[in-house]
């Protein structure tokens, strides 16, 4: 009888202890062998496991060229954000160096200060982040095993899926991945109106990890639920749309720029719209103002569909521009698969 009593006692104590005390951090074991990848858009998860592009590229034919948006219930569960920007001594700027592009010449990086506010700053604060599309724009805090931290922007594109930049989760130079990350949808005045959600997995194109190619600088995060709710169920999510041509189209970029957050003393969402001024088969360029912290912001078309993702600054034939990957067929197939 005594043995049975002790058994139930320890079982009771075990149930009282949070499960994450015993669980390993799912984001700490990233390893990747480029020899196992055969296509630039092979999908690599947080453990380095590979899903071949050839195996999923034809799986998305039924989607035609877009996925649906969802309004969300709008139920709020506010949490205060004590931002890493203000308090972490190990906070690092994740914005990559500008990329120089000269027509008819090869692409290379240049170690100069990024010019990402072009001329007069046109960004304005988003007054109401509890309505679409702004409720789906997420503030992301990221941590690495060595104690460093940073922030990015992302966009809910499914119940528990967030689109952002690959450089926010994997350093292509060191192939080092994040150890943990937390996502807050629809933030204003340092309040995450729809709660916080931990990242439990992510998907990154293999070519980003191998080469740091800006064309593949995007990632899809997979989120845990919170209180039996998924982030997209309450905050809503935006659909993605495959595009071939974006030249001269109007797009919006909304996110969480570090310069304006520091100036205001609180985490708030800012954004700006403008026209696409240049593109190639995989990248799109514009003079919309951005700043560090807005890496991973979606490019939103007039219908607030995601047609690309902002990466950072470029020097194109001597002219300063911002830019990032556009939702061409390869990116659309990859992101669609990550939504499964």
C-alpha atoms as a PDB file:
ATOM      1  CA  UNK A   1       0.000   0.000   0.000  1.00  0.00           C
ATOM      2  CA  UNK A   2       2.881   2.340   0.830  1.00  0.00           C
ATOM      3  CA  UNK A   3       4.478   1.746  -2.575  1.00  0.00           C
ATOM      4  CA  UNK A   4       1.199   2.524  -4.337  1.00  0.00           C
ATOM      5  CA  UNK A   5       0.790   5.731  -2.326  1.00  0.00           C
ATOM      6  CA  UNK A   6       4.316   6.891  -3.219  1.00  0.00           C
ATOM      7  CA  UNK A   7       3.723   6.063  -6.877  1.00  0.00           C
ATOM      8  CA  UNK A   8       0.622   8.221  -7.031  1.00  0.00           C
ATOM      9  CA  UNK A   9       2.388  10.984  -5.091  1.00  0.00           C
ATOM     10  CA  UNK A  10       5.177  11.229  -7.665  1.00  0.00           C
ATOM     11  CA  UNK A  11       2.681  11.026 -10.507  1.00  0.00           C
ATOM     12  CA  UNK A  12       0.811  13.963  -8.953  1.00  0.00           C
ATOM     13  CA  UNK A  13       3.992  16.012  -8.579  1.00  0.00           C
ATOM     14  CA  UNK A  14       4.930  15.264 -12.208  1.00  0.00           C
ATOM     15  CA  UNK A  15       1.582  16.586 -13.422  1.00  0.00           C
ATOM     16  CA  UNK A  16       2.113  19.831 -11.520  1.00  0.00           C
ATOM     17  CA  UNK A  17       5.437  20.535 -13.231  1.00  0.00           C
ATOM     18  CA  UNK A  18       5.220  22.307 -16.625  1.00  0.00           C
ATOM     19  CA  UNK A  19       6.040  19.927 -19.440  1.00  0.00           C
ATOM     20  CA  UNK A  20       8.597  22.309 -20.921  1.00  0.00           C
ATOM     21  CA  UNK A  21      10.808  21.663 -17.908  1.00  0.00           C
ATOM     22  CA  UNK A  22      11.403  18.165 -19.268  1.00  0.00           C
ATOM     23  CA  UNK A  23      11.194  18.910 -22.992  1.00  0.00           C
ATOM     24  CA  UNK A  24      14.267  19.766 -25.001  1.00  0.00           C
ATOM     25  CA  UNK A  25      14.296  23.028 -26.894  1.00  0.00           C
ATOM     26  CA  UNK A  26      13.168  21.966 -30.351  1.00  0.00           C
ATOM     27  CA  UNK A  27      15.148  24.722 -32.045  1.00  0.00           C
ATOM     28  CA  UNK A  28      18.637  23.925 -30.712  1.00  0.00           C
ATOM     29  CA  UNK A  29      19.676  21.006 -32.894  1.00  0.00           C
ATOM     30  CA  UNK A  30      19.988  22.534 -36.371  1.00  0.00           C
ATOM     31  CA  UNK A  31      22.465  20.776 -38.657  1.00  0.00           C
ATOM     32  CA  UNK A  32      22.504  20.804 -42.444  1.00  0.00           C
ATOM     33  CA  UNK A  33      24.476  18.991 -45.133  1.00  0.00           C
ATOM     34  CA  UNK A  34      24.216  20.758 -48.490  1.00  0.00           C
ATOM     35  CA  UNK A  35      25.122  17.511 -50.238  1.00  0.00           C
ATOM     36  CA  UNK A  36      21.682  16.195 -49.315  1.00  0.00           C
ATOM     37  CA  UNK A  37      19.959  19.028 -51.194  1.00  0.00           C
ATOM     38  CA  UNK A  38      19.372  18.938 -54.961  1.00  0.00           C
ATOM     39  CA  UNK A  39      17.266  22.083 -55.579  1.00  0.00           C
ATOM     40  CA  UNK A  40      17.555  25.726 -54.372  1.00  0.00           C
ATOM     41  CA  UNK A  41      13.992  25.571 -52.993  1.00  0.00           C
ATOM     42  CA  UNK A  42      14.313  22.295 -51.116  1.00  0.00           C
ATOM     43  CA  UNK A  43      12.608  22.848 -47.759  1.00  0.00           C
ATOM     44  CA  UNK A  44      14.780  22.553 -44.635  1.00  0.00           C
ATOM     45  CA  UNK A  45      13.221  22.517 -41.160  1.00  0.00           C
ATOM     46  CA  UNK A  46      14.691  23.511 -37.790  1.00  0.00           C
ATOM     47  CA  UNK A  47      16.338  20.113 -37.336  1.00  0.00           C
ATOM     48  CA  UNK A  48      17.980  20.214 -40.759  1.00  0.00           C
ATOM     49  CA  UNK A  49      15.585  17.661 -42.241  1.00  0.00           C
ATOM     50  CA  UNK A  50      14.943  18.138 -45.970  1.00  0.00           C
ATOM     51  CA  UNK A  51      11.731  17.938 -47.999  1.00  0.00           C
ATOM     52  CA  UNK A  52      12.635  17.801 -51.681  1.00  0.00           C
ATOM     53  CA  UNK A  53      11.194  20.495 -53.946  1.00  0.00           C
ATOM     54  CA  UNK A  54      10.571  17.884 -56.613  1.00  0.00           C
ATOM     55  CA  UNK A  55       8.326  16.016 -54.178  1.00  0.00           C
ATOM     56  CA  UNK A  56       6.012  18.944 -53.429  1.00  0.00           C
ATOM     57  CA  UNK A  57       6.112  21.353 -56.387  1.00  0.00           C
ATOM     58  CA  UNK A  58       3.076  19.735 -58.020  1.00  0.00           C
ATOM     59  CA  UNK A  59       1.114  19.315 -54.800  1.00  0.00           C
ATOM     60  CA  UNK A  60      -0.278  22.838 -54.933  1.00  0.00           C
ATOM     61  CA  UNK A  61      -2.005  22.827 -58.316  1.00  0.00           C
ATOM     62  CA  UNK A  62      -5.430  22.890 -56.669  1.00  0.00           C
ATOM     63  CA  UNK A  63      -4.569  26.230 -55.053  1.00  0.00           C
ATOM     64  CA  UNK A  64      -4.282  27.873 -58.498  1.00  0.00           C
ATOM     65  CA  UNK A  65      -2.309  31.005 -57.583  1.00  0.00           C
ATOM     66  CA  UNK A  66      -3.539  32.217 -54.204  1.00  0.00           C
ATOM     67  CA  UNK A  67      -4.616  31.154 -50.728  1.00  0.00           C
ATOM     68  CA  UNK A  68      -7.522  32.638 -48.744  1.00  0.00           C
ATOM     69  CA  UNK A  69      -7.377  35.267 -46.043  1.00  0.00           C
ATOM     70  CA  UNK A  70      -9.223  34.886 -42.732  1.00  0.00           C
ATOM     71  CA  UNK A  71     -10.721  37.660 -40.626  1.00  0.00           C
ATOM     72  CA  UNK A  72     -10.148  36.132 -37.180  1.00  0.00           C
ATOM     73  CA  UNK A  73     -12.417  36.280 -34.168  1.00  0.00           C
ATOM     74  CA  UNK A  74     -10.781  39.454 -32.869  1.00  0.00           C
ATOM     75  CA  UNK A  75     -10.792  38.108 -29.305  1.00  0.00           C
ATOM     76  CA  UNK A  76      -8.017  39.932 -27.482  1.00  0.00           C
ATOM     77  CA  UNK A  77      -5.743  38.595 -24.749  1.00  0.00           C
ATOM     78  CA  UNK A  78      -3.307  41.477 -24.180  1.00  0.00           C
ATOM     79  CA  UNK A  79       0.255  40.876 -23.034  1.00  0.00           C
ATOM     80  CA  UNK A  80       2.843  43.505 -22.233  1.00  0.00           C
ATOM     81  CA  UNK A  81       6.095  43.369 -24.187  1.00  0.00           C
ATOM     82  CA  UNK A  82       9.316  44.226 -22.387  1.00  0.00           C
ATOM     83  CA  UNK A  83      11.215  44.597 -25.631  1.00  0.00           C
ATOM     84  CA  UNK A  84      14.716  43.250 -26.151  1.00  0.00           C
ATOM     85  CA  UNK A  85      15.435  46.476 -28.020  1.00  0.00           C
ATOM     86  CA  UNK A  86      15.391  48.465 -24.783  1.00  0.00           C
ATOM     87  CA  UNK A  87      16.848  46.050 -22.239  1.00  0.00           C
ATOM     88  CA  UNK A  88      18.992  43.328 -23.782  1.00  0.00           C
ATOM     89  CA  UNK A  89      22.720  44.041 -23.699  1.00  0.00           C
ATOM     90  CA  UNK A  90      23.209  41.224 -26.202  1.00  0.00           C
ATOM     91  CA  UNK A  91      20.727  42.599 -28.758  1.00  0.00           C
ATOM     92  CA  UNK A  92      22.055  42.468 -32.331  1.00  0.00           C
ATOM     93  CA  UNK A  93      20.920  44.142 -35.555  1.00  0.00           C
ATOM     94  CA  UNK A  94      19.790  41.397 -37.938  1.00  0.00           C
ATOM     95  CA  UNK A  95      19.596  43.635 -41.014  1.00  0.00           C
ATOM     96  CA  UNK A  96      21.979  42.283 -43.677  1.00  0.00           C
ATOM     97  CA  UNK A  97      24.494  44.504 -45.430  1.00  0.00           C
ATOM     98  CA  UNK A  98      23.307  46.140 -48.664  1.00  0.00           C
ATOM     99  CA  UNK A  99      23.656  44.110 -51.822  1.00  0.00           C
ATOM    100  CA  UNK A 100      25.214  45.816 -54.846  1.00  0.00           C
ATOM    101  CA  UNK A 101      23.623  45.016 -58.190  1.00  0.00           C
ATOM    102  CA  UNK A 102      25.183  46.244 -61.405  1.00  0.00           C
ATOM    103  CA  UNK A 103      23.528  45.249 -64.660  1.00  0.00           C
ATOM    104  CA  UNK A 104      25.654  42.746 -66.594  1.00  0.00           C
ATOM    105  CA  UNK A 105      27.920  42.242 -63.573  1.00  0.00           C
ATOM    106  CA  UNK A 106      27.868  39.643 -60.815  1.00  0.00           C
ATOM    107  CA  UNK A 107      26.136  40.297 -57.506  1.00  0.00           C
ATOM    108  CA  UNK A 108      28.226  40.841 -54.380  1.00  0.00           C
ATOM    109  CA  UNK A 109      27.939  42.275 -50.896  1.00  0.00           C
ATOM    110  CA  UNK A 110      29.375  45.588 -49.784  1.00  0.00           C
ATOM    111  CA  UNK A 111      30.246  46.555 -46.233  1.00  0.00           C
ATOM    112  CA  UNK A 112      28.728  50.019 -46.025  1.00  0.00           C
ATOM    113  CA  UNK A 113      26.080  51.464 -43.749  1.00  0.00           C
ATOM    114  CA  UNK A 114      22.638  50.363 -44.959  1.00  0.00           C
ATOM    115  CA  UNK A 115      20.611  53.193 -46.485  1.00  0.00           C
ATOM    116  CA  UNK A 116      17.067  52.092 -45.849  1.00  0.00           C
ATOM    117  CA  UNK A 117      15.208  55.363 -45.211  1.00  0.00           C
ATOM    118  CA  UNK A 118      15.386  56.956 -48.630  1.00  0.00           C
ATOM    119  CA  UNK A 119      15.006  60.729 -48.635  1.00  0.00           C
ATOM    120  CA  UNK A 120      12.245  62.083 -46.363  1.00  0.00           C
ATOM    121  CA  UNK A 121      10.847  59.406 -44.058  1.00  0.00           C
ATOM    122  CA  UNK A 122       7.362  58.459 -45.264  1.00  0.00           C
ATOM    123  CA  UNK A 123       6.502  55.891 -42.578  1.00  0.00           C
ATOM    124  CA  UNK A 124       3.493  56.557 -40.341  1.00  0.00           C
ATOM    125  CA  UNK A 125       2.242  54.836 -37.217  1.00  0.00           C
ATOM    126  CA  UNK A 126      -0.627  52.336 -37.465  1.00  0.00           C
ATOM    127  CA  UNK A 127      -3.231  53.639 -35.021  1.00  0.00           C
ATOM    128  CA  UNK A 128      -5.379  50.486 -34.809  1.00  0.00           C
ATOM    129  CA  UNK A 129      -3.546  47.162 -34.959  1.00  0.00           C
ATOM    130  CA  UNK A 130      -6.622  45.150 -33.954  1.00  0.00           C
ATOM    131  CA  UNK A 131      -8.114  45.266 -37.466  1.00  0.00           C
ATOM    132  CA  UNK A 132      -7.030  43.618 -40.734  1.00  0.00           C
ATOM    133  CA  UNK A 133      -4.490  43.622 -42.222  1.00  0.00           C
ATOM    134  CA  UNK A 134      -2.535  45.103 -39.323  1.00  0.00           C
ATOM    135  CA  UNK A 135      -3.658  42.509 -36.768  1.00  0.00           C
ATOM    136  CA  UNK A 136      -1.819  39.861 -38.803  1.00  0.00           C
ATOM    137  CA  UNK A 137       1.500  41.765 -38.768  1.00  0.00           C
ATOM    138  CA  UNK A 138       3.645  40.173 -36.064  1.00  0.00           C
ATOM    139  CA  UNK A 139       6.498  41.379 -33.892  1.00  0.00           C
ATOM    140  CA  UNK A 140       9.084  38.597 -33.471  1.00  0.00           C
ATOM    141  CA  UNK A 141      11.667  38.299 -30.702  1.00  0.00           C
ATOM    142  CA  UNK A 142      14.493  35.845 -31.476  1.00  0.00           C
ATOM    143  CA  UNK A 143      17.151  34.241 -29.296  1.00  0.00           C
ATOM    144  CA  UNK A 144      20.333  32.272 -29.970  1.00  0.00           C
ATOM    145  CA  UNK A 145      22.115  29.728 -27.791  1.00  0.00           C
ATOM    146  CA  UNK A 146      25.035  32.127 -27.156  1.00  0.00           C
ATOM    147  CA  UNK A 147      22.698  34.620 -25.452  1.00  0.00           C
ATOM    148  CA  UNK A 148      22.343  37.095 -28.326  1.00  0.00           C
ATOM    149  CA  UNK A 149      18.895  38.274 -29.400  1.00  0.00           C
ATOM    150  CA  UNK A 150      17.179  40.278 -32.116  1.00  0.00           C
ATOM    151  CA  UNK A 151      13.822  41.226 -33.594  1.00  0.00           C
ATOM    152  CA  UNK A 152      12.100  40.881 -36.952  1.00  0.00           C
ATOM    153  CA  UNK A 153       8.663  41.373 -38.453  1.00  0.00           C
ATOM    154  CA  UNK A 154       6.459  38.597 -39.793  1.00  0.00           C
ATOM    155  CA  UNK A 155       2.979  38.074 -41.199  1.00  0.00           C
ATOM    156  CA  UNK A 156       0.398  35.473 -40.253  1.00  0.00           C
ATOM    157  CA  UNK A 157      -0.480  33.540 -43.415  1.00  0.00           C
ATOM    158  CA  UNK A 158      -2.251  30.611 -41.730  1.00  0.00           C
ATOM    159  CA  UNK A 159      -3.683  29.557 -38.368  1.00  0.00           C
ATOM    160  CA  UNK A 160      -0.193  28.943 -36.978  1.00  0.00           C
ATOM    161  CA  UNK A 161       2.135  29.976 -39.809  1.00  0.00           C
ATOM    162  CA  UNK A 162       4.164  33.197 -40.109  1.00  0.00           C
ATOM    163  CA  UNK A 163       6.109  34.383 -43.163  1.00  0.00           C
ATOM    164  CA  UNK A 164       9.357  36.243 -42.472  1.00  0.00           C
ATOM    165  CA  UNK A 165      12.998  36.354 -43.663  1.00  0.00           C
ATOM    166  CA  UNK A 166      15.330  33.379 -43.579  1.00  0.00           C
ATOM    167  CA  UNK A 167      18.083  35.606 -42.154  1.00  0.00           C
ATOM    168  CA  UNK A 168      15.890  36.065 -39.065  1.00  0.00           C
ATOM    169  CA  UNK A 169      16.233  32.380 -38.145  1.00  0.00           C
ATOM    170  CA  UNK A 170      19.397  31.086 -39.863  1.00  0.00           C
ATOM    171  CA  UNK A 171      22.747  32.860 -40.235  1.00  0.00           C
ATOM    172  CA  UNK A 172      23.868  31.666 -43.671  1.00  0.00           C
ATOM    173  CA  UNK A 173      27.495  32.500 -42.892  1.00  0.00           C
ATOM    174  CA  UNK A 174      27.710  30.312 -39.796  1.00  0.00           C
ATOM    175  CA  UNK A 175      24.647  28.100 -40.462  1.00  0.00           C
ATOM    176  CA  UNK A 176      23.639  28.868 -36.896  1.00  0.00           C
ATOM    177  CA  UNK A 177      19.910  28.687 -36.118  1.00  0.00           C
ATOM    178  CA  UNK A 178      17.826  30.363 -33.453  1.00  0.00           C
ATOM    179  CA  UNK A 179      17.306  28.565 -30.141  1.00  0.00           C
ATOM    180  CA  UNK A 180      13.876  30.095 -29.468  1.00  0.00           C
ATOM    181  CA  UNK A 181      11.494  32.786 -30.704  1.00  0.00           C
ATOM    182  CA  UNK A 182       8.218  34.395 -29.639  1.00  0.00           C
ATOM    183  CA  UNK A 183       5.639  35.953 -31.955  1.00  0.00           C
ATOM    184  CA  UNK A 184       3.211  38.756 -31.015  1.00  0.00           C
ATOM    185  CA  UNK A 185       0.461  39.662 -33.541  1.00  0.00           C
ATOM    186  CA  UNK A 186      -0.939  43.186 -33.867  1.00  0.00           C
ATOM    187  CA  UNK A 187       1.362  45.033 -31.460  1.00  0.00           C
ATOM    188  CA  UNK A 188       0.912  48.679 -30.478  1.00  0.00           C
ATOM    189  CA  UNK A 189       2.145  50.655 -27.452  1.00  0.00           C
ATOM    190  CA  UNK A 190       4.176  47.607 -26.369  1.00  0.00           C
ATOM    191  CA  UNK A 191       0.994  45.536 -26.091  1.00  0.00           C
ATOM    192  CA  UNK A 192       0.496  42.303 -27.995  1.00  0.00           C
ATOM    193  CA  UNK A 193      -3.281  42.442 -28.297  1.00  0.00           C
ATOM    194  CA  UNK A 194      -3.725  38.819 -29.339  1.00  0.00           C
ATOM    195  CA  UNK A 195      -1.270  37.166 -26.968  1.00  0.00           C
ATOM    196  CA  UNK A 196       2.140  35.561 -27.516  1.00  0.00           C
ATOM    197  CA  UNK A 197       3.054  32.373 -29.368  1.00  0.00           C
ATOM    198  CA  UNK A 198       6.253  30.337 -29.253  1.00  0.00           C
ATOM    199  CA  UNK A 199       7.929  29.136 -32.439  1.00  0.00           C
ATOM    200  CA  UNK A 200       8.280  25.335 -32.486  1.00  0.00           C
ATOM    201  CA  UNK A 201       9.612  24.827 -36.019  1.00  0.00           C
ATOM    202  CA  UNK A 202      10.505  26.686 -39.203  1.00  0.00           C
ATOM    203  CA  UNK A 203      11.109  26.036 -42.901  1.00  0.00           C
ATOM    204  CA  UNK A 204      13.902  27.707 -44.896  1.00  0.00           C
ATOM    205  CA  UNK A 205      15.019  27.208 -48.547  1.00  0.00           C
ATOM    206  CA  UNK A 206      18.197  25.165 -48.779  1.00  0.00           C
ATOM    207  CA  UNK A 207      19.900  27.678 -51.071  1.00  0.00           C
ATOM    208  CA  UNK A 208      19.656  30.373 -48.415  1.00  0.00           C
ATOM    209  CA  UNK A 209      21.539  28.164 -45.972  1.00  0.00           C
ATOM    210  CA  UNK A 210      24.164  27.149 -48.544  1.00  0.00           C
ATOM    211  CA  UNK A 211      24.807  30.512 -50.250  1.00  0.00           C
ATOM    212  CA  UNK A 212      22.906  33.321 -48.508  1.00  0.00           C
ATOM    213  CA  UNK A 213      21.175  34.115 -51.806  1.00  0.00           C
ATOM    214  CA  UNK A 214      18.788  37.055 -51.369  1.00  0.00           C
ATOM    215  CA  UNK A 215      16.283  35.454 -53.750  1.00  0.00           C
ATOM    216  CA  UNK A 216      15.673  32.719 -51.172  1.00  0.00           C
ATOM    217  CA  UNK A 217      15.749  34.941 -48.084  1.00  0.00           C
ATOM    218  CA  UNK A 218      12.371  33.887 -46.711  1.00  0.00           C
ATOM    219  CA  UNK A 219      11.129  31.484 -44.046  1.00  0.00           C
ATOM    220  CA  UNK A 220       7.873  30.146 -42.662  1.00  0.00           C
ATOM    221  CA  UNK A 221       7.563  29.786 -38.879  1.00  0.00           C
ATOM    222  CA  UNK A 222       5.335  27.198 -37.181  1.00  0.00           C
ATOM    223  CA  UNK A 223       3.735  28.390 -33.925  1.00  0.00           C
ATOM    224  CA  UNK A 224       2.489  26.625 -30.836  1.00  0.00           C
ATOM    225  CA  UNK A 225      -1.011  27.477 -29.663  1.00  0.00           C
ATOM    226  CA  UNK A 226      -1.749  29.459 -26.526  1.00  0.00           C
ATOM    227  CA  UNK A 227      -4.709  28.683 -24.237  1.00  0.00           C
ATOM    228  CA  UNK A 228      -6.147  26.346 -26.880  1.00  0.00           C
ATOM    229  CA  UNK A 229      -6.068  29.118 -29.499  1.00  0.00           C
ATOM    230  CA  UNK A 230      -3.999  29.566 -32.620  1.00  0.00           C
ATOM    231  CA  UNK A 231      -2.671  33.027 -33.458  1.00  0.00           C
ATOM    232  CA  UNK A 232      -4.417  33.152 -36.841  1.00  0.00           C
ATOM    233  CA  UNK A 233      -7.763  32.120 -35.375  1.00  0.00           C
ATOM    234  CA  UNK A 234      -7.915  35.261 -33.235  1.00  0.00           C
ATOM    235  CA  UNK A 235      -5.761  37.806 -35.098  1.00  0.00           C
ATOM    236  CA  UNK A 236      -6.654  36.613 -38.601  1.00  0.00           C
ATOM    237  CA  UNK A 237      -4.257  35.799 -41.412  1.00  0.00           C
ATOM    238  CA  UNK A 238      -3.541  37.063 -44.908  1.00  0.00           C
ATOM    239  CA  UNK A 239      -3.577  35.096 -48.142  1.00  0.00           C
ATOM    240  CA  UNK A 240      -0.560  34.747 -50.399  1.00  0.00           C
ATOM    241  CA  UNK A 241      -0.718  35.366 -54.149  1.00  0.00           C
ATOM    242  CA  UNK A 242       1.628  34.136 -56.865  1.00  0.00           C
ATOM    243  CA  UNK A 243       2.878  36.931 -59.129  1.00  0.00           C
ATOM    244  CA  UNK A 244       4.985  37.208 -62.237  1.00  0.00           C
ATOM    245  CA  UNK A 245       5.097  40.986 -62.692  1.00  0.00           C
ATOM    246  CA  UNK A 246       4.934  43.660 -59.997  1.00  0.00           C
ATOM    247  CA  UNK A 247       6.549  46.567 -61.826  1.00  0.00           C
ATOM    248  CA  UNK A 248       4.719  49.868 -61.092  1.00  0.00           C
ATOM    249  CA  UNK A 249       2.248  48.121 -58.773  1.00  0.00           C
ATOM    250  CA  UNK A 250       1.482  49.716 -55.417  1.00  0.00           C
ATOM    251  CA  UNK A 251       2.559  47.696 -52.378  1.00  0.00           C
ATOM    252  CA  UNK A 252       2.512  48.316 -48.652  1.00  0.00           C
ATOM    253  CA  UNK A 253       5.140  47.393 -46.059  1.00  0.00           C
ATOM    254  CA  UNK A 254       4.165  47.398 -42.368  1.00  0.00           C
ATOM    255  CA  UNK A 255       6.257  46.279 -39.428  1.00  0.00           C
ATOM    256  CA  UNK A 256       8.216  47.163 -36.324  1.00  0.00           C
ATOM    257  CA  UNK A 257      11.211  49.430 -37.150  1.00  0.00           C
ATOM    258  CA  UNK A 258      13.812  49.689 -34.408  1.00  0.00           C
ATOM    259  CA  UNK A 259      14.641  53.358 -35.038  1.00  0.00           C
ATOM    260  CA  UNK A 260      11.061  54.577 -34.516  1.00  0.00           C
ATOM    261  CA  UNK A 261      10.499  52.160 -31.618  1.00  0.00           C
ATOM    262  CA  UNK A 262      13.558  53.530 -29.826  1.00  0.00           C
ATOM    263  CA  UNK A 263      12.479  57.110 -30.545  1.00  0.00           C
ATOM    264  CA  UNK A 264       8.987  56.516 -29.169  1.00  0.00           C
ATOM    265  CA  UNK A 265       9.987  54.293 -26.256  1.00  0.00           C
ATOM    266  CA  UNK A 266       7.338  51.663 -27.082  1.00  0.00           C
ATOM    267  CA  UNK A 267       6.904  48.872 -29.616  1.00  0.00           C
ATOM    268  CA  UNK A 268       4.426  50.047 -32.251  1.00  0.00           C
ATOM    269  CA  UNK A 269       3.664  49.245 -35.859  1.00  0.00           C
ATOM    270  CA  UNK A 270       4.578  51.594 -38.706  1.00  0.00           C
ATOM    271  CA  UNK A 271       4.224  51.392 -42.451  1.00  0.00           C
ATOM    272  CA  UNK A 272       4.183  53.005 -45.860  1.00  0.00           C
ATOM    273  CA  UNK A 273       2.936  52.285 -49.365  1.00  0.00           C
ATOM    274  CA  UNK A 274       4.690  52.947 -52.676  1.00  0.00           C
ATOM    275  CA  UNK A 275       5.257  51.596 -56.162  1.00  0.00           C
ATOM    276  CA  UNK A 276       7.582  48.838 -57.302  1.00  0.00           C
ATOM    277  CA  UNK A 277      10.269  50.524 -59.414  1.00  0.00           C
ATOM    278  CA  UNK A 278      12.318  47.541 -60.620  1.00  0.00           C
ATOM    279  CA  UNK A 279      12.149  43.748 -60.622  1.00  0.00           C
ATOM    280  CA  UNK A 280      13.740  40.594 -61.958  1.00  0.00           C
ATOM    281  CA  UNK A 281      12.496  37.020 -61.973  1.00  0.00           C
ATOM    282  CA  UNK A 282      12.831  36.564 -58.207  1.00  0.00           C
ATOM    283  CA  UNK A 283      13.366  39.988 -56.601  1.00  0.00           C
ATOM    284  CA  UNK A 284      11.404  43.215 -56.469  1.00  0.00           C
ATOM    285  CA  UNK A 285      12.682  46.725 -55.624  1.00  0.00           C
ATOM    286  CA  UNK A 286      11.093  49.927 -54.329  1.00  0.00           C
ATOM    287  CA  UNK A 287      11.877  53.179 -52.496  1.00  0.00           C
ATOM    288  CA  UNK A 288       9.504  52.494 -49.595  1.00  0.00           C
ATOM    289  CA  UNK A 289      11.212  53.454 -46.324  1.00  0.00           C
ATOM    290  CA  UNK A 290      12.138  50.711 -43.850  1.00  0.00           C
ATOM    291  CA  UNK A 291      14.568  50.191 -40.965  1.00  0.00           C
ATOM    292  CA  UNK A 292      16.179  47.350 -38.992  1.00  0.00           C
ATOM    293  CA  UNK A 293      13.409  45.379 -37.310  1.00  0.00           C
ATOM    294  CA  UNK A 294      11.271  45.408 -40.457  1.00  0.00           C
ATOM    295  CA  UNK A 295      13.134  42.471 -41.970  1.00  0.00           C
ATOM    296  CA  UNK A 296      10.468  39.935 -42.907  1.00  0.00           C
ATOM    297  CA  UNK A 297       7.655  42.439 -43.470  1.00  0.00           C
ATOM    298  CA  UNK A 298       5.211  41.311 -46.142  1.00  0.00           C
ATOM    299  CA  UNK A 299       4.733  43.147 -49.415  1.00  0.00           C
ATOM    300  CA  UNK A 300       0.959  43.703 -49.537  1.00  0.00           C
ATOM    301  CA  UNK A 301      -0.871  44.408 -52.787  1.00  0.00           C
ATOM    302  CA  UNK A 302      -3.988  46.577 -53.078  1.00  0.00           C
ATOM    303  CA  UNK A 303      -6.110  43.662 -51.783  1.00  0.00           C
ATOM    304  CA  UNK A 304      -3.763  43.083 -48.838  1.00  0.00           C
ATOM    305  CA  UNK A 305      -2.530  39.784 -50.250  1.00  0.00           C
ATOM    306  CA  UNK A 306       1.092  38.861 -49.615  1.00  0.00           C
ATOM    307  CA  UNK A 307       3.057  39.136 -52.876  1.00  0.00           C
ATOM    308  CA  UNK A 308       6.581  39.107 -51.445  1.00  0.00           C
ATOM    309  CA  UNK A 309       8.691  39.740 -48.374  1.00  0.00           C
ATOM    310  CA  UNK A 310      10.950  42.703 -47.578  1.00  0.00           C
ATOM    311  CA  UNK A 311      14.610  41.842 -47.033  1.00  0.00           C
ATOM    312  CA  UNK A 312      16.698  45.028 -46.829  1.00  0.00           C
ATOM    313  CA  UNK A 313      18.626  47.517 -48.910  1.00  0.00           C
ATOM    314  CA  UNK A 314      20.288  47.250 -52.333  1.00  0.00           C
ATOM    315  CA  UNK A 315      22.510  49.532 -54.386  1.00  0.00           C
ATOM    316  CA  UNK A 316      21.223  49.086 -57.943  1.00  0.00           C
ATOM    317  CA  UNK A 317      23.390  50.731 -60.619  1.00  0.00           C
ATOM    318  CA  UNK A 318      24.453  53.263 -57.982  1.00  0.00           C
ATOM    319  CA  UNK A 319      20.886  53.973 -56.807  1.00  0.00           C
ATOM    320  CA  UNK A 320      19.697  53.147 -53.297  1.00  0.00           C
ATOM    321  CA  UNK A 321      16.621  50.920 -53.159  1.00  0.00           C
ATOM    322  CA  UNK A 322      14.930  48.523 -50.773  1.00  0.00           C
ATOM    323  CA  UNK A 323      13.845  45.107 -51.911  1.00  0.00           C
ATOM    324  CA  UNK A 324      13.225  41.445 -51.308  1.00  0.00           C
ATOM    325  CA  UNK A 325      11.948  38.174 -52.774  1.00  0.00           C
ATOM    326  CA  UNK A 326       8.672  38.299 -54.696  1.00  0.00           C
ATOM    327  CA  UNK A 327       6.075  35.532 -54.651  1.00  0.00           C
ATOM    328  CA  UNK A 328       7.071  33.864 -57.922  1.00  0.00           C
ATOM    329  CA  UNK A 329       6.041  30.278 -58.652  1.00  0.00           C
ATOM    330  CA  UNK A 330       8.988  28.771 -56.748  1.00  0.00           C
ATOM    331  CA  UNK A 331       8.357  30.830 -53.628  1.00  0.00           C
ATOM    332  CA  UNK A 332       4.600  30.255 -53.887  1.00  0.00           C
ATOM    333  CA  UNK A 333       5.079  26.475 -54.102  1.00  0.00           C
ATOM    334  CA  UNK A 334       7.448  26.525 -51.119  1.00  0.00           C
ATOM    335  CA  UNK A 335       5.209  28.671 -48.905  1.00  0.00           C
ATOM    336  CA  UNK A 336       2.090  26.752 -49.925  1.00  0.00           C
ATOM    337  CA  UNK A 337       3.758  23.510 -48.904  1.00  0.00           C
ATOM    338  CA  UNK A 338       4.767  25.043 -45.570  1.00  0.00           C
ATOM    339  CA  UNK A 339       1.098  25.857 -44.952  1.00  0.00           C
ATOM    340  CA  UNK A 340       0.189  22.157 -45.083  1.00  0.00           C
END
